[in-house]
């Protein structure tokens, strides 16, 4: 899926200006790789349907359809919504996940997740914004609303 097919994210954002709007926690997480506190963050227990996007760029990252309770106190996902928007980087101390376009630190990736992927993307709430399924169309992420339609 190309970036320009998503109105909510077109790849054209002013990172410097957006960073000025972040809270201290959001800035520390996305720019300095600091993890927020478990169980006290915004989305760890969010059960609403929708997608999670990068707080800096708006690029789509994860779907509530792939979210599960890993009992860690952070939002955990089995896979990215669109692998073109995440980068997995091996580090000396483990493996981290970052957003492609904003290069925001999101969290860590582990190989202890449930099937079908066996992966656990353990992500900081402060690195993301949640877009409820009812708002996907008006926020420009309508391409993702199909996964939430009732059959």
N, C-alpha and C. Protein backbone atom coordinates (compact mmCIF):
# COMPACT_ATOMS: atom_id res chain seq x y z
N UNK A 1 0.85 -1.18 0.00
CA UNK A 1 0.00 0.00 0.00
C UNK A 1 0.89 1.24 0.00
N UNK A 2 0.66 2.14 -0.88
CA UNK A 2 1.48 3.33 -0.97
C UNK A 2 0.99 4.38 0.01
N UNK A 3 1.93 5.17 0.52
CA UNK A 3 1.60 6.22 1.49
C UNK A 3 0.53 7.17 0.97
N UNK A 4 0.58 7.52 -0.30
CA UNK A 4 -0.36 8.51 -0.81
C UNK A 4 -1.78 7.99 -0.93
N UNK A 5 -2.01 6.70 -0.68
CA UNK A 5 -3.37 6.17 -0.71
C UNK A 5 -4.08 6.37 0.62
N UNK A 6 -3.38 6.87 1.60
CA UNK A 6 -3.95 7.10 2.92
C UNK A 6 -3.97 8.60 3.17
N UNK A 7 -5.15 9.18 3.20
CA UNK A 7 -5.24 10.62 3.37
C UNK A 7 -4.71 11.07 4.73
N UNK A 8 -4.94 10.27 5.77
CA UNK A 8 -4.50 10.64 7.11
C UNK A 8 -2.99 10.67 7.23
N UNK A 9 -2.31 9.94 6.35
CA UNK A 9 -0.86 9.94 6.30
C UNK A 9 -0.44 9.99 4.85
N UNK A 10 0.25 11.03 4.48
CA UNK A 10 0.70 11.13 3.10
C UNK A 10 2.23 11.18 3.00
N UNK A 11 2.90 10.97 4.13
CA UNK A 11 4.35 10.99 4.11
C UNK A 11 4.94 12.38 4.14
N UNK A 12 4.08 13.39 4.03
CA UNK A 12 4.54 14.78 4.01
C UNK A 12 4.14 15.44 5.32
N UNK A 13 5.04 15.44 6.27
CA UNK A 13 4.76 16.05 7.56
C UNK A 13 6.01 16.80 8.00
N UNK A 14 5.83 17.78 8.86
CA UNK A 14 6.94 18.57 9.34
C UNK A 14 7.33 18.04 10.72
N UNK A 15 8.32 17.19 10.74
CA UNK A 15 8.72 16.53 11.99
C UNK A 15 9.13 17.55 13.05
N UNK A 16 9.90 18.52 12.66
CA UNK A 16 10.38 19.52 13.62
C UNK A 16 9.21 20.23 14.30
N UNK A 17 8.22 20.63 13.52
CA UNK A 17 7.05 21.31 14.08
C UNK A 17 6.19 20.37 14.92
N UNK A 18 6.02 19.14 14.45
CA UNK A 18 5.21 18.17 15.19
C UNK A 18 5.84 17.86 16.54
N UNK A 19 7.15 17.73 16.58
CA UNK A 19 7.83 17.44 17.84
C UNK A 19 7.57 18.51 18.89
N UNK A 20 7.35 19.74 18.47
CA UNK A 20 7.07 20.84 19.40
C UNK A 20 5.72 20.66 20.10
N UNK A 21 4.83 19.87 19.52
CA UNK A 21 3.49 19.69 20.08
C UNK A 21 3.39 18.50 21.04
N UNK A 22 4.45 17.69 21.12
CA UNK A 22 4.41 16.50 21.96
C UNK A 22 4.58 16.84 23.44
N UNK A 23 4.01 15.99 24.28
CA UNK A 23 4.25 16.11 25.71
C UNK A 23 5.69 15.66 25.97
N UNK A 24 6.19 15.93 27.17
CA UNK A 24 7.55 15.51 27.52
C UNK A 24 7.68 13.99 27.41
N UNK A 25 6.68 13.26 27.87
CA UNK A 25 6.72 11.80 27.79
C UNK A 25 6.73 11.33 26.35
N UNK A 26 5.85 11.88 25.51
CA UNK A 26 5.82 11.49 24.11
C UNK A 26 7.16 11.76 23.43
N UNK A 27 7.76 12.90 23.74
CA UNK A 27 9.05 13.25 23.17
C UNK A 27 10.14 12.29 23.65
N UNK A 28 10.18 12.04 24.96
CA UNK A 28 11.20 11.15 25.51
C UNK A 28 11.09 9.74 24.93
N UNK A 29 9.86 9.26 24.77
CA UNK A 29 9.67 7.91 24.20
C UNK A 29 10.09 7.89 22.74
N UNK A 30 9.52 8.75 21.93
CA UNK A 30 9.75 8.67 20.48
C UNK A 30 11.15 9.10 20.06
N UNK A 31 11.75 10.05 20.76
CA UNK A 31 13.04 10.59 20.33
C UNK A 31 14.23 10.05 21.11
N UNK A 32 13.99 9.59 22.35
CA UNK A 32 15.11 9.11 23.18
C UNK A 32 15.00 7.64 23.57
N UNK A 33 13.96 6.96 23.09
CA UNK A 33 13.83 5.53 23.34
C UNK A 33 13.54 5.17 24.79
N UNK A 34 12.90 6.07 25.51
CA UNK A 34 12.54 5.82 26.91
C UNK A 34 11.21 5.08 26.95
N UNK A 35 11.12 4.01 27.72
CA UNK A 35 9.85 3.30 27.88
C UNK A 35 9.01 3.97 28.96
N UNK A 36 7.71 4.06 28.71
CA UNK A 36 6.80 4.59 29.71
C UNK A 36 6.52 3.53 30.77
N UNK A 37 5.87 3.91 31.83
CA UNK A 37 5.54 2.98 32.90
C UNK A 37 4.48 1.97 32.46
N UNK A 38 4.64 0.70 32.85
CA UNK A 38 3.62 -0.28 32.52
C UNK A 38 2.35 -0.06 33.34
N UNK A 39 1.24 -0.48 32.81
CA UNK A 39 -0.08 -0.46 33.44
C UNK A 39 -0.64 0.94 33.71
N UNK A 40 0.15 1.98 33.56
CA UNK A 40 -0.35 3.33 33.79
C UNK A 40 -0.41 4.15 32.52
N UNK A 41 -0.22 3.51 31.38
CA UNK A 41 -0.21 4.24 30.12
C UNK A 41 -1.59 4.17 29.46
N UNK A 42 -1.78 5.01 28.48
CA UNK A 42 -3.11 5.24 27.90
C UNK A 42 -3.77 4.03 27.23
N UNK A 43 -3.01 3.21 26.54
CA UNK A 43 -3.65 2.18 25.71
C UNK A 43 -3.43 0.73 26.16
N UNK A 44 -2.74 0.49 27.24
CA UNK A 44 -2.42 -0.89 27.61
C UNK A 44 -3.67 -1.75 27.75
N UNK A 45 -4.77 -1.15 28.21
CA UNK A 45 -6.00 -1.93 28.39
C UNK A 45 -7.13 -1.46 27.48
N UNK A 46 -6.79 -0.73 26.43
CA UNK A 46 -7.79 -0.26 25.48
C UNK A 46 -8.33 -1.44 24.68
N UNK A 47 -9.65 -1.63 24.71
CA UNK A 47 -10.26 -2.73 23.98
C UNK A 47 -11.13 -2.25 22.81
N UNK A 48 -11.12 -0.94 22.55
CA UNK A 48 -11.91 -0.39 21.45
C UNK A 48 -11.33 -0.81 20.11
N UNK A 49 -12.19 -0.86 19.09
CA UNK A 49 -11.74 -1.21 17.75
C UNK A 49 -11.25 0.04 17.02
N UNK A 50 -10.15 -0.11 16.31
CA UNK A 50 -9.58 0.99 15.55
C UNK A 50 -8.12 0.70 15.23
N UNK A 51 -7.42 1.75 14.83
CA UNK A 51 -6.00 1.59 14.50
C UNK A 51 -5.17 2.54 15.33
N UNK A 52 -3.90 2.21 15.43
CA UNK A 52 -2.93 3.02 16.16
C UNK A 52 -1.96 3.60 15.13
N UNK A 53 -1.73 4.91 15.22
CA UNK A 53 -0.84 5.57 14.27
C UNK A 53 0.30 6.25 15.02
N UNK A 54 1.38 6.50 14.31
CA UNK A 54 2.54 7.18 14.89
C UNK A 54 2.13 8.58 15.36
N UNK A 55 2.47 8.94 16.58
CA UNK A 55 2.10 10.23 17.16
C UNK A 55 2.79 11.39 16.44
N UNK A 56 3.90 11.12 15.78
CA UNK A 56 4.65 12.17 15.09
C UNK A 56 4.20 12.32 13.64
N UNK A 57 4.16 11.22 12.90
CA UNK A 57 3.89 11.30 11.46
C UNK A 57 2.46 10.96 11.06
N UNK A 58 1.75 10.23 11.90
CA UNK A 58 0.41 9.78 11.55
C UNK A 58 0.40 8.51 10.73
N UNK A 59 1.58 7.92 10.48
CA UNK A 59 1.59 6.71 9.68
C UNK A 59 0.95 5.55 10.45
N UNK A 60 0.13 4.75 9.76
CA UNK A 60 -0.58 3.64 10.40
C UNK A 60 0.38 2.54 10.85
N UNK A 61 0.22 2.10 12.11
CA UNK A 61 1.15 1.15 12.68
C UNK A 61 0.53 -0.20 13.03
N UNK A 62 -0.55 -0.17 13.83
CA UNK A 62 -1.13 -1.40 14.35
C UNK A 62 -2.65 -1.32 14.35
N UNK A 63 -3.29 -2.50 14.34
CA UNK A 63 -4.74 -2.60 14.39
C UNK A 63 -5.16 -3.24 15.71
N UNK A 64 -6.31 -2.83 16.20
CA UNK A 64 -6.86 -3.46 17.40
C UNK A 64 -7.16 -4.94 17.13
N UNK A 65 -7.33 -5.31 15.87
CA UNK A 65 -7.58 -6.71 15.52
C UNK A 65 -6.38 -7.60 15.86
N UNK A 66 -5.19 -7.00 15.94
CA UNK A 66 -3.97 -7.75 16.23
C UNK A 66 -3.44 -7.48 17.64
N UNK A 67 -4.23 -6.79 18.45
CA UNK A 67 -3.83 -6.45 19.82
C UNK A 67 -4.26 -7.58 20.75
N UNK A 68 -3.44 -7.84 21.74
CA UNK A 68 -3.79 -8.86 22.73
C UNK A 68 -3.17 -8.50 24.08
N UNK A 69 -3.66 -9.11 25.12
CA UNK A 69 -3.17 -8.85 26.47
C UNK A 69 -2.00 -9.78 26.76
N UNK A 70 -0.80 -9.24 26.70
CA UNK A 70 0.41 -10.02 26.99
C UNK A 70 0.75 -9.96 28.48
N UNK A 71 -0.08 -9.26 29.24
CA UNK A 71 0.09 -9.11 30.70
C UNK A 71 1.40 -8.41 31.06
N UNK A 72 1.80 -7.48 30.19
CA UNK A 72 3.04 -6.73 30.44
C UNK A 72 2.77 -5.31 30.90
N UNK A 73 1.54 -4.83 30.66
CA UNK A 73 1.22 -3.45 31.01
C UNK A 73 1.43 -2.46 29.88
N UNK A 74 1.84 -2.97 28.72
CA UNK A 74 1.98 -2.14 27.52
C UNK A 74 1.11 -2.75 26.43
N UNK A 75 0.67 -1.94 25.46
CA UNK A 75 -0.07 -2.52 24.33
C UNK A 75 0.82 -3.51 23.59
N UNK A 76 0.27 -4.66 23.28
CA UNK A 76 1.02 -5.68 22.54
C UNK A 76 0.24 -6.11 21.32
N UNK A 77 0.94 -6.33 20.23
CA UNK A 77 0.35 -6.68 18.95
C UNK A 77 1.11 -7.86 18.34
N UNK A 78 0.42 -8.67 17.56
CA UNK A 78 1.06 -9.82 16.92
C UNK A 78 1.76 -9.45 15.62
N UNK A 79 1.36 -8.31 15.04
CA UNK A 79 1.96 -7.89 13.77
C UNK A 79 1.61 -6.44 13.48
N UNK A 80 2.38 -5.80 12.61
CA UNK A 80 2.04 -4.43 12.20
C UNK A 80 0.82 -4.43 11.28
N UNK A 81 0.13 -3.32 11.24
CA UNK A 81 -0.99 -3.14 10.32
C UNK A 81 -0.49 -3.12 8.89
N UNK A 82 0.62 -2.45 8.67
CA UNK A 82 1.24 -2.34 7.34
C UNK A 82 2.75 -2.37 7.57
N UNK A 83 3.38 -3.44 7.15
CA UNK A 83 4.81 -3.59 7.42
C UNK A 83 5.67 -2.51 6.74
N UNK A 84 5.10 -1.78 5.80
CA UNK A 84 5.84 -0.69 5.17
C UNK A 84 6.06 0.50 6.10
N UNK A 85 5.33 0.52 7.22
CA UNK A 85 5.43 1.66 8.13
C UNK A 85 6.19 1.37 9.41
N UNK A 86 6.73 0.17 9.54
CA UNK A 86 7.53 -0.16 10.72
C UNK A 86 8.89 -0.70 10.30
N UNK A 87 9.87 -0.44 11.14
CA UNK A 87 11.23 -0.91 10.92
C UNK A 87 11.65 -1.66 12.17
N UNK A 88 12.12 -2.86 11.98
CA UNK A 88 12.63 -3.65 13.10
C UNK A 88 14.15 -3.55 13.07
N UNK A 89 14.72 -3.10 14.20
CA UNK A 89 16.17 -2.91 14.28
C UNK A 89 16.74 -3.76 15.40
N UNK A 90 17.73 -4.55 15.04
CA UNK A 90 18.43 -5.34 16.05
C UNK A 90 19.43 -4.43 16.75
N UNK A 91 19.40 -4.47 18.05
CA UNK A 91 20.32 -3.69 18.88
C UNK A 91 21.12 -4.64 19.75
N UNK A 92 22.14 -4.14 20.36
CA UNK A 92 22.98 -4.95 21.24
C UNK A 92 22.15 -5.59 22.35
N UNK A 93 21.18 -4.86 22.86
CA UNK A 93 20.37 -5.30 24.00
C UNK A 93 19.05 -5.95 23.60
N UNK A 94 18.75 -6.06 22.32
CA UNK A 94 17.49 -6.66 21.89
C UNK A 94 17.07 -6.15 20.52
N UNK A 95 15.78 -6.20 20.28
CA UNK A 95 15.24 -5.78 18.99
C UNK A 95 14.17 -4.73 19.23
N UNK A 96 14.31 -3.60 18.57
CA UNK A 96 13.33 -2.53 18.74
C UNK A 96 12.52 -2.33 17.48
N UNK A 97 11.38 -1.68 17.64
CA UNK A 97 10.53 -1.34 16.49
C UNK A 97 10.41 0.18 16.44
N UNK A 98 10.53 0.71 15.23
CA UNK A 98 10.47 2.15 14.99
C UNK A 98 9.52 2.40 13.83
N UNK A 99 9.01 3.61 13.75
CA UNK A 99 8.19 3.96 12.59
C UNK A 99 9.10 4.27 11.42
N UNK A 100 8.65 3.96 10.23
CA UNK A 100 9.46 4.13 9.02
C UNK A 100 9.75 5.59 8.71
N UNK A 101 8.72 6.41 8.62
CA UNK A 101 8.91 7.77 8.13
C UNK A 101 9.36 8.76 9.18
N UNK A 102 8.88 8.65 10.40
CA UNK A 102 9.27 9.58 11.46
C UNK A 102 10.47 9.07 12.25
N UNK A 103 10.80 7.80 12.09
CA UNK A 103 11.86 7.16 12.86
C UNK A 103 11.61 7.28 14.36
N UNK A 104 10.34 7.22 14.74
CA UNK A 104 9.97 7.27 16.16
C UNK A 104 10.26 5.92 16.80
N UNK A 105 10.83 5.94 17.99
CA UNK A 105 10.96 4.72 18.77
C UNK A 105 9.56 4.36 19.25
N UNK A 106 9.14 3.12 18.98
CA UNK A 106 7.81 2.66 19.38
C UNK A 106 7.88 1.71 20.56
N UNK A 107 8.83 0.80 20.54
CA UNK A 107 8.94 -0.20 21.60
C UNK A 107 9.86 -1.32 21.16
N UNK A 108 9.56 -2.53 21.64
CA UNK A 108 10.42 -3.67 21.38
C UNK A 108 9.65 -4.82 20.75
N UNK A 109 10.39 -5.72 20.11
CA UNK A 109 9.79 -6.89 19.47
C UNK A 109 10.41 -8.13 20.11
N UNK A 110 9.54 -9.09 20.44
CA UNK A 110 9.97 -10.34 21.05
C UNK A 110 9.39 -11.52 20.28
N UNK A 111 10.05 -12.64 20.36
CA UNK A 111 9.58 -13.85 19.67
C UNK A 111 8.84 -14.77 20.63
N UNK A 112 8.00 -14.19 21.49
CA UNK A 112 7.24 -14.98 22.47
C UNK A 112 5.74 -14.71 22.38
N UNK A 113 5.30 -14.26 21.21
CA UNK A 113 3.89 -13.94 21.02
C UNK A 113 3.07 -15.13 20.58
N UNK A 114 1.76 -14.95 20.50
CA UNK A 114 0.87 -16.04 20.08
C UNK A 114 0.92 -16.27 18.58
N UNK A 115 0.36 -17.37 18.15
CA UNK A 115 0.22 -17.65 16.72
C UNK A 115 -0.80 -16.67 16.16
N UNK A 116 -0.77 -16.31 14.92
CA UNK A 116 -0.05 -17.00 13.86
C UNK A 116 1.37 -16.52 13.65
N UNK A 117 1.79 -15.41 14.26
CA UNK A 117 3.11 -14.88 13.96
C UNK A 117 4.18 -15.29 14.97
N UNK A 118 3.78 -15.56 16.20
CA UNK A 118 4.75 -15.86 17.25
C UNK A 118 5.50 -14.64 17.71
N UNK A 119 5.08 -13.46 17.24
CA UNK A 119 5.76 -12.20 17.57
C UNK A 119 4.94 -11.40 18.59
N UNK A 120 5.65 -10.62 19.39
CA UNK A 120 5.00 -9.68 20.31
C UNK A 120 5.64 -8.32 20.11
N UNK A 121 4.87 -7.42 19.53
CA UNK A 121 5.29 -6.03 19.39
C UNK A 121 4.80 -5.32 20.64
N UNK A 122 5.70 -5.05 21.55
CA UNK A 122 5.40 -4.40 22.83
C UNK A 122 5.66 -2.91 22.65
N UNK A 123 4.58 -2.11 22.61
CA UNK A 123 4.67 -0.74 22.15
C UNK A 123 4.27 0.25 23.24
N UNK A 124 4.93 1.38 23.26
CA UNK A 124 4.60 2.45 24.19
C UNK A 124 3.38 3.23 23.70
N UNK A 125 2.40 3.40 24.57
CA UNK A 125 1.21 4.19 24.22
C UNK A 125 1.60 5.61 23.81
N UNK A 126 2.59 6.17 24.46
CA UNK A 126 3.00 7.55 24.20
C UNK A 126 3.53 7.76 22.79
N UNK A 127 3.86 6.69 22.10
CA UNK A 127 4.37 6.79 20.73
C UNK A 127 3.25 6.77 19.70
N UNK A 128 2.00 6.56 20.18
CA UNK A 128 0.91 6.35 19.24
C UNK A 128 -0.30 7.22 19.57
N UNK A 129 -1.15 7.36 18.55
CA UNK A 129 -2.49 7.92 18.71
C UNK A 129 -3.46 6.85 18.25
N UNK A 130 -4.54 6.67 18.99
CA UNK A 130 -5.55 5.69 18.63
C UNK A 130 -6.65 6.38 17.82
N UNK A 131 -6.99 5.80 16.68
CA UNK A 131 -8.08 6.30 15.83
C UNK A 131 -9.21 5.27 15.90
N UNK A 132 -10.32 5.59 16.59
CA UNK A 132 -11.43 4.64 16.69
C UNK A 132 -12.00 4.32 15.30
N UNK A 133 -12.58 3.11 15.16
CA UNK A 133 -13.09 2.69 13.86
C UNK A 133 -14.13 3.67 13.32
N UNK A 134 -14.92 4.29 14.18
CA UNK A 134 -15.94 5.25 13.74
C UNK A 134 -15.32 6.50 13.12
N UNK A 135 -14.06 6.79 13.41
CA UNK A 135 -13.40 8.00 12.92
C UNK A 135 -12.43 7.75 11.77
N UNK A 136 -12.27 6.51 11.36
CA UNK A 136 -11.29 6.19 10.32
C UNK A 136 -11.53 6.95 9.02
N UNK A 137 -12.77 6.97 8.55
CA UNK A 137 -13.09 7.66 7.29
C UNK A 137 -12.78 9.15 7.39
N UNK A 138 -13.32 9.81 8.41
CA UNK A 138 -13.16 11.27 8.50
C UNK A 138 -11.73 11.70 8.81
N UNK A 139 -10.92 10.79 9.38
CA UNK A 139 -9.52 11.12 9.66
C UNK A 139 -8.59 10.76 8.51
N UNK A 140 -9.16 10.16 7.43
CA UNK A 140 -8.37 9.85 6.26
C UNK A 140 -7.78 8.46 6.23
N UNK A 141 -8.23 7.60 7.12
CA UNK A 141 -7.74 6.22 7.17
C UNK A 141 -8.81 5.23 6.76
N UNK A 142 -9.74 5.66 5.92
CA UNK A 142 -10.86 4.83 5.51
C UNK A 142 -10.47 3.51 4.88
N UNK A 143 -9.30 3.45 4.28
CA UNK A 143 -8.83 2.21 3.66
C UNK A 143 -8.76 1.08 4.68
N UNK A 144 -8.63 1.41 5.95
CA UNK A 144 -8.52 0.39 7.00
C UNK A 144 -9.87 0.03 7.63
N UNK A 145 -10.92 0.73 7.29
CA UNK A 145 -12.22 0.47 7.91
C UNK A 145 -12.81 -0.86 7.49
N UNK A 146 -12.41 -1.40 6.37
CA UNK A 146 -12.97 -2.66 5.87
C UNK A 146 -12.74 -3.80 6.89
N UNK A 147 -11.66 -3.78 7.61
CA UNK A 147 -11.38 -4.86 8.56
C UNK A 147 -12.32 -4.86 9.76
N UNK A 148 -13.07 -3.78 9.95
CA UNK A 148 -13.98 -3.69 11.09
C UNK A 148 -15.46 -3.84 10.69
N UNK A 149 -15.71 -4.09 9.42
CA UNK A 149 -17.09 -4.26 8.96
C UNK A 149 -17.64 -5.58 9.45
N UNK A 150 -18.91 -5.54 9.85
CA UNK A 150 -19.57 -6.75 10.31
C UNK A 150 -20.00 -7.57 9.11
N UNK A 151 -19.85 -8.88 9.20
CA UNK A 151 -20.22 -9.74 8.07
C UNK A 151 -21.58 -10.30 8.24
